[in-house]
Amino acid sequence: MQKGIHPMYREATVHCACGNSFKTRTTVGEISVDICGACHPFFTGTQKIIDTEGRVERFKKKYAKKDK
C-alpha cells in the first residue's frame, strides 16, 4: 500500500434513534442512524403498522380466510 493516500480508519460510535449505541470502525467518524438491529422489525420479530384511515383493517377483512 502506498503511504499518504488512504483515509484514516478509526473507531467510531453508531447512535440509533431508539437509544442503542455500539462501536465499529469506519473512515467517516460518528454515525447516526434511524433503525438498528436492536429495534428493526426483522430482527425483533415485531411488526409496526401505522394504520391511516383503516386501510389495514379493510385489507385484512377483504382477504381474510373464511372458516367453513
PDB file of N, CA and C in Angstrom:
ATOM      1  N   MET A   1       0.828  -1.189   0.000  1.00  0.00           N
ATOM      2  CA  MET A   1       0.000   0.000   0.000  1.00  0.00           C
ATOM      3  C   MET A   1       0.867   1.245   0.000  1.00  0.00           C
ATOM      4  N   GLN A   2       0.435   2.214  -0.737  1.00  0.00           N
ATOM      5  CA  GLN A   2       1.162   3.475  -0.760  1.00  0.00           C
ATOM      6  C   GLN A   2       0.812   4.293   0.477  1.00  0.00           C
ATOM      7  N   LYS A   3       1.759   5.020   0.966  1.00  0.00           N
ATOM      8  CA  LYS A   3       1.537   5.825   2.170  1.00  0.00           C
ATOM      9  C   LYS A   3       0.970   7.187   1.788  1.00  0.00           C
ATOM     10  N   GLY A   4       0.058   7.678   2.624  1.00  0.00           N
ATOM     11  CA  GLY A   4      -0.464   9.019   2.456  1.00  0.00           C
ATOM     12  C   GLY A   4      -1.673   9.161   1.546  1.00  0.00           C
ATOM     13  N   ILE A   5      -2.179   8.077   0.928  1.00  0.00           N
ATOM     14  CA  ILE A   5      -3.337   8.211   0.034  1.00  0.00           C
ATOM     15  C   ILE A   5      -4.601   7.592   0.604  1.00  0.00           C
ATOM     16  N   HIS A   6      -4.480   6.847   1.696  1.00  0.00           N
ATOM     17  CA  HIS A   6      -5.636   6.165   2.263  1.00  0.00           C
ATOM     18  C   HIS A   6      -6.221   6.974   3.414  1.00  0.00           C
ATOM     19  N   PRO A   7      -7.564   6.982   3.567  1.00  0.00           N
ATOM     20  CA  PRO A   7      -8.177   7.722   4.674  1.00  0.00           C
ATOM     21  C   PRO A   7      -7.914   7.017   6.005  1.00  0.00           C
ATOM     22  N   MET A   8      -8.039   7.759   7.080  1.00  0.00           N
ATOM     23  CA  MET A   8      -7.846   7.200   8.419  1.00  0.00           C
ATOM     24  C   MET A   8      -9.001   6.254   8.744  1.00  0.00           C
ATOM     25  N   TYR A   9      -8.670   5.041   9.174  1.00  0.00           N
ATOM     26  CA  TYR A   9      -9.649   4.021   9.551  1.00  0.00           C
ATOM     27  C   TYR A   9      -9.620   3.937  11.068  1.00  0.00           C
ATOM     28  N   ARG A  10     -10.639   4.523  11.712  1.00  0.00           N
ATOM     29  CA  ARG A  10     -10.625   4.644  13.160  1.00  0.00           C
ATOM     30  C   ARG A  10     -11.921   4.123  13.762  1.00  0.00           C
ATOM     31  N   GLU A  11     -11.922   3.995  15.083  1.00  0.00           N
ATOM     32  CA  GLU A  11     -13.100   3.520  15.798  1.00  0.00           C
ATOM     33  C   GLU A  11     -14.129   4.637  15.886  1.00  0.00           C
ATOM     34  N   ALA A  12     -15.408   4.265  15.697  1.00  0.00           N
ATOM     35  CA  ALA A  12     -16.494   5.244  15.766  1.00  0.00           C
ATOM     36  C   ALA A  12     -17.668   4.631  16.514  1.00  0.00           C
ATOM     37  N   THR A  13     -18.517   5.471  17.037  1.00  0.00           N
ATOM     38  CA  THR A  13     -19.721   5.035  17.738  1.00  0.00           C
ATOM     39  C   THR A  13     -20.929   5.309  16.854  1.00  0.00           C
ATOM     40  N   VAL A  14     -21.795   4.300  16.732  1.00  0.00           N
ATOM     41  CA  VAL A  14     -23.035   4.431  15.979  1.00  0.00           C
ATOM     42  C   VAL A  14     -24.155   4.655  16.981  1.00  0.00           C
ATOM     43  N   HIS A  15     -24.925   5.728  16.796  1.00  0.00           N
ATOM     44  CA  HIS A  15     -26.041   6.056  17.686  1.00  0.00           C
ATOM     45  C   HIS A  15     -27.347   5.862  16.919  1.00  0.00           C
ATOM     46  N   CYS A  16     -28.284   5.112  17.511  1.00  0.00           N
ATOM     47  CA  CYS A  16     -29.592   4.864  16.906  1.00  0.00           C
ATOM     48  C   CYS A  16     -30.628   5.784  17.549  1.00  0.00           C
ATOM     49  N   ALA A  17     -31.736   5.989  16.842  1.00  0.00           N
ATOM     50  CA  ALA A  17     -32.819   6.822  17.361  1.00  0.00           C
ATOM     51  C   ALA A  17     -33.496   6.180  18.573  1.00  0.00           C
ATOM     52  N   CYS A  18     -33.397   4.837  18.699  1.00  0.00           N
ATOM     53  CA  CYS A  18     -34.017   4.149  19.834  1.00  0.00           C
ATOM     54  C   CYS A  18     -33.187   4.280  21.108  1.00  0.00           C
ATOM     55  N   GLY A  19     -31.975   4.808  21.007  1.00  0.00           N
ATOM     56  CA  GLY A  19     -31.116   4.984  22.170  1.00  0.00           C
ATOM     57  C   GLY A  19     -29.975   3.986  22.222  1.00  0.00           C
ATOM     58  N   ASN A  20     -29.993   2.989  21.374  1.00  0.00           N
ATOM     59  CA  ASN A  20     -28.936   1.989  21.328  1.00  0.00           C
ATOM     60  C   ASN A  20     -27.687   2.595  20.693  1.00  0.00           C
ATOM     61  N   SER A  21     -26.526   2.185  21.172  1.00  0.00           N
ATOM     62  CA  SER A  21     -25.280   2.631  20.558  1.00  0.00           C
ATOM     63  C   SER A  21     -24.279   1.487  20.607  1.00  0.00           C
ATOM     64  N   PHE A  22     -23.426   1.429  19.601  1.00  0.00           N
ATOM     65  CA  PHE A  22     -22.387   0.405  19.544  1.00  0.00           C
ATOM     66  C   PHE A  22     -21.192   0.956  18.806  1.00  0.00           C
ATOM     67  N   LYS A  23     -20.067   0.288  18.981  1.00  0.00           N
ATOM     68  CA  LYS A  23     -18.819   0.747  18.378  1.00  0.00           C
ATOM     69  C   LYS A  23     -18.503  -0.084  17.143  1.00  0.00           C
ATOM     70  N   THR A  24     -17.946   0.572  16.145  1.00  0.00           N
ATOM     71  CA  THR A  24     -17.496  -0.060  14.916  1.00  0.00           C
ATOM     72  C   THR A  24     -16.293   0.710  14.407  1.00  0.00           C
ATOM     73  N   ARG A  25     -15.766   0.312  13.282  1.00  0.00           N
ATOM     74  CA  ARG A  25     -14.641   1.026  12.686  1.00  0.00           C
ATOM     75  C   ARG A  25     -15.077   1.585  11.346  1.00  0.00           C
ATOM     76  N   THR A  26     -14.677   2.824  11.061  1.00  0.00           N
ATOM     77  CA  THR A  26     -15.094   3.490   9.839  1.00  0.00           C
ATOM     78  C   THR A  26     -14.131   4.612   9.474  1.00  0.00           C
ATOM     79  N   THR A  27     -14.247   5.082   8.262  1.00  0.00           N
ATOM     80  CA  THR A  27     -13.470   6.237   7.830  1.00  0.00           C
ATOM     81  C   THR A  27     -14.269   7.527   7.980  1.00  0.00           C
ATOM     82  N   VAL A  28     -15.567   7.414   8.243  1.00  0.00           N
ATOM     83  CA  VAL A  28     -16.460   8.566   8.287  1.00  0.00           C
ATOM     84  C   VAL A  28     -16.396   9.295   9.621  1.00  0.00           C
ATOM     85  N   GLY A  29     -16.385   8.573  10.717  1.00  0.00           N
ATOM     86  CA  GLY A  29     -16.440   9.189  12.044  1.00  0.00           C
ATOM     87  C   GLY A  29     -17.697   8.740  12.760  1.00  0.00           C
ATOM     88  N   GLU A  30     -18.308   9.617  13.510  1.00  0.00           N
ATOM     89  CA  GLU A  30     -19.531   9.287  14.241  1.00  0.00           C
ATOM     90  C   GLU A  30     -20.690   9.114  13.261  1.00  0.00           C
ATOM     91  N   ILE A  31     -21.548   8.095  13.533  1.00  0.00           N
ATOM     92  CA  ILE A  31     -22.665   7.785  12.647  1.00  0.00           C
ATOM     93  C   ILE A  31     -23.958   7.818  13.452  1.00  0.00           C
ATOM     94  N   SER A  32     -25.003   8.399  12.884  1.00  0.00           N
ATOM     95  CA  SER A  32     -26.314   8.446  13.496  1.00  0.00           C
ATOM     96  C   SER A  32     -27.304   7.774  12.544  1.00  0.00           C
ATOM     97  N   VAL A  33     -28.050   6.754  13.044  1.00  0.00           N
ATOM     98  CA  VAL A  33     -28.983   6.008  12.207  1.00  0.00           C
ATOM     99  C   VAL A  33     -30.382   6.052  12.815  1.00  0.00           C
ATOM    100  N   ASP A  34     -31.394   5.773  11.984  1.00  0.00           N
ATOM    101  CA  ASP A  34     -32.778   5.758  12.443  1.00  0.00           C
ATOM    102  C   ASP A  34     -33.169   4.390  12.995  1.00  0.00           C
ATOM    103  N   ILE A  35     -32.704   3.327  12.374  1.00  0.00           N
ATOM    104  CA  ILE A  35     -33.068   1.967  12.770  1.00  0.00           C
ATOM    105  C   ILE A  35     -31.807   1.119  12.873  1.00  0.00           C
ATOM    106  N   CYS A  36     -31.694   0.351  13.964  1.00  0.00           N
ATOM    107  CA  CYS A  36     -30.547  -0.534  14.147  1.00  0.00           C
ATOM    108  C   CYS A  36     -31.047  -1.970  14.330  1.00  0.00           C
ATOM    109  N   GLY A  37     -30.152  -2.886  14.585  1.00  0.00           N
ATOM    110  CA  GLY A  37     -30.514  -4.286  14.765  1.00  0.00           C
ATOM    111  C   GLY A  37     -31.328  -4.534  16.025  1.00  0.00           C
ATOM    112  N   ALA A  38     -31.250  -3.629  16.996  1.00  0.00           N
ATOM    113  CA  ALA A  38     -31.996  -3.799  18.245  1.00  0.00           C
ATOM    114  C   ALA A  38     -33.453  -3.377  18.111  1.00  0.00           C
ATOM    115  N   CYS A  39     -33.776  -2.536  17.128  1.00  0.00           N
ATOM    116  CA  CYS A  39     -35.152  -2.047  17.002  1.00  0.00           C
ATOM    117  C   CYS A  39     -35.766  -2.340  15.632  1.00  0.00           C
ATOM    118  N   HIS A  40     -35.041  -2.972  14.729  1.00  0.00           N
ATOM    119  CA  HIS A  40     -35.571  -3.279  13.400  1.00  0.00           C
ATOM    120  C   HIS A  40     -36.593  -4.411  13.499  1.00  0.00           C
ATOM    121  N   PRO A  41     -37.754  -4.294  12.847  1.00  0.00           N
ATOM    122  CA  PRO A  41     -38.798  -5.315  12.942  1.00  0.00           C
ATOM    123  C   PRO A  41     -38.346  -6.702  12.475  1.00  0.00           C
ATOM    124  N   PHE A  42     -37.453  -6.796  11.529  1.00  0.00           N
ATOM    125  CA  PHE A  42     -36.991  -8.100  11.045  1.00  0.00           C
ATOM    126  C   PHE A  42     -36.245  -8.853  12.142  1.00  0.00           C
ATOM    127  N   PHE A  43     -35.434  -8.165  12.914  1.00  0.00           N
ATOM    128  CA  PHE A  43     -34.632  -8.803  13.942  1.00  0.00           C
ATOM    129  C   PHE A  43     -35.376  -8.973  15.258  1.00  0.00           C
ATOM    130  N   THR A  44     -36.332  -8.099  15.557  1.00  0.00           N
ATOM    131  CA  THR A  44     -37.061  -8.182  16.819  1.00  0.00           C
ATOM    132  C   THR A  44     -38.285  -9.077  16.734  1.00  0.00           C
ATOM    133  N   GLY A  45     -38.807  -9.313  15.545  1.00  0.00           N
ATOM    134  CA  GLY A  45     -39.988 -10.141  15.386  1.00  0.00           C
ATOM    135  C   GLY A  45     -41.281  -9.390  15.613  1.00  0.00           C
ATOM    136  N   THR A  46     -41.217  -8.100  15.814  1.00  0.00           N
ATOM    137  CA  THR A  46     -42.421  -7.299  15.998  1.00  0.00           C
ATOM    138  C   THR A  46     -42.729  -6.566  14.706  1.00  0.00           C
ATOM    139  N   GLN A  47     -43.984  -6.317  14.497  1.00  0.00           N
ATOM    140  CA  GLN A  47     -44.403  -5.620  13.289  1.00  0.00           C
ATOM    141  C   GLN A  47     -45.085  -4.329  13.690  1.00  0.00           C
ATOM    142  N   LYS A  48     -44.617  -3.231  13.145  1.00  0.00           N
ATOM    143  CA  LYS A  48     -45.199  -1.933  13.444  1.00  0.00           C
ATOM    144  C   LYS A  48     -45.913  -1.436  12.203  1.00  0.00           C
ATOM    145  N   ILE A  49     -47.227  -1.382  12.272  1.00  0.00           N
ATOM    146  CA  ILE A  49     -48.027  -0.901  11.146  1.00  0.00           C
ATOM    147  C   ILE A  49     -48.704   0.398  11.562  1.00  0.00           C
ATOM    148  N   ILE A  50     -48.499   1.416  10.787  1.00  0.00           N
ATOM    149  CA  ILE A  50     -49.172   2.683  11.035  1.00  0.00           C
ATOM    150  C   ILE A  50     -50.432   2.686  10.185  1.00  0.00           C
ATOM    151  N   ASP A  51     -51.570   2.553  10.825  1.00  0.00           N
ATOM    152  CA  ASP A  51     -52.846   2.443  10.128  1.00  0.00           C
ATOM    153  C   ASP A  51     -53.462   3.825   9.965  1.00  0.00           C
ATOM    154  N   THR A  52     -53.602   4.247   8.727  1.00  0.00           N
ATOM    155  CA  THR A  52     -54.256   5.514   8.458  1.00  0.00           C
ATOM    156  C   THR A  52     -55.552   5.235   7.712  1.00  0.00           C
ATOM    157  N   GLU A  53     -56.619   5.761   8.228  1.00  0.00           N
ATOM    158  CA  GLU A  53     -57.947   5.653   7.631  1.00  0.00           C
ATOM    159  C   GLU A  53     -58.444   4.215   7.542  1.00  0.00           C
ATOM    160  N   GLY A  54     -57.955   3.333   8.411  1.00  0.00           N
ATOM    161  CA  GLY A  54     -58.458   1.968   8.457  1.00  0.00           C
ATOM    162  C   GLY A  54     -58.086   1.102   7.271  1.00  0.00           C
ATOM    163  N   ARG A  55     -57.047   1.420   6.557  1.00  0.00           N
ATOM    164  CA  ARG A  55     -56.663   0.671   5.358  1.00  0.00           C
ATOM    165  C   ARG A  55     -56.253  -0.758   5.675  1.00  0.00           C
ATOM    166  N   VAL A  56     -55.509  -0.936   6.773  1.00  0.00           N
ATOM    167  CA  VAL A  56     -55.042  -2.270   7.131  1.00  0.00           C
ATOM    168  C   VAL A  56     -56.226  -3.159   7.497  1.00  0.00           C
ATOM    169  N   GLU A  57     -57.153  -2.640   8.269  1.00  0.00           N
ATOM    170  CA  GLU A  57     -58.334  -3.422   8.662  1.00  0.00           C
ATOM    171  C   GLU A  57     -59.185  -3.772   7.446  1.00  0.00           C
ATOM    172  N   ARG A  58     -59.349  -2.855   6.508  1.00  0.00           N
ATOM    173  CA  ARG A  58     -60.104  -3.162   5.287  1.00  0.00           C
ATOM    174  C   ARG A  58     -59.410  -4.241   4.470  1.00  0.00           C
ATOM    175  N   PHE A  59     -58.083  -4.203   4.395  1.00  0.00           N
ATOM    176  CA  PHE A  59     -57.333  -5.218   3.666  1.00  0.00           C
ATOM    177  C   PHE A  59     -57.494  -6.578   4.332  1.00  0.00           C
ATOM    178  N   LYS A  60     -57.343  -6.634   5.662  1.00  0.00           N
ATOM    179  CA  LYS A  60     -57.482  -7.903   6.386  1.00  0.00           C
ATOM    180  C   LYS A  60     -58.895  -8.452   6.252  1.00  0.00           C
ATOM    181  N   LYS A  61     -59.888  -7.578   6.307  1.00  0.00           N
ATOM    182  CA  LYS A  61     -61.283  -8.007   6.189  1.00  0.00           C
ATOM    183  C   LYS A  61     -61.576  -8.531   4.785  1.00  0.00           C
ATOM    184  N   LYS A  62     -61.015  -7.892   3.776  1.00  0.00           N
ATOM    185  CA  LYS A  62     -61.262  -8.266   2.392  1.00  0.00           C
ATOM    186  C   LYS A  62     -60.624  -9.606   2.044  1.00  0.00           C
ATOM    187  N   TYR A  63     -59.411  -9.848   2.524  1.00  0.00           N
ATOM    188  CA  TYR A  63     -58.668 -11.055   2.158  1.00  0.00           C
ATOM    189  C   TYR A  63     -58.581 -12.104   3.261  1.00  0.00           C
ATOM    190  N   ALA A  64     -59.403 -11.988   4.287  1.00  0.00           N
ATOM    191  CA  ALA A  64     -59.392 -12.962   5.365  1.00  0.00           C
ATOM    192  C   ALA A  64     -59.996 -14.285   4.882  1.00  0.00           C
ATOM    193  N   LYS A  65     -59.418 -15.383   5.351  1.00  0.00           N
ATOM    194  CA  LYS A  65     -59.957 -16.703   5.012  1.00  0.00           C
ATOM    195  C   LYS A  65     -61.209 -16.929   5.846  1.00  0.00           C
ATOM    196  N   LYS A  66     -62.219 -17.430   5.183  1.00  0.00           N
ATOM    197  CA  LYS A  66     -63.468 -17.699   5.869  1.00  0.00           C
ATOM    198  C   LYS A  66     -63.509 -19.164   6.269  1.00  0.00           C
ATOM    199  N   ASP A  67     -63.846 -19.421   7.548  1.00  0.00           N
ATOM    200  CA  ASP A  67     -63.965 -20.802   8.044  1.00  0.00           C
ATOM    201  C   ASP A  67     -65.272 -21.401   7.564  1.00  0.00           C
ATOM    202  N   LYS A  68     -65.195 -22.642   7.129  1.00  0.00           N
ATOM    203  CA  LYS A  68     -66.416 -23.323   6.652  1.00  0.00           C
ATOM    204  C   LYS A  68     -66.968 -24.250   7.682  1.00  0.00           C
TER     205      LYS A  68
END
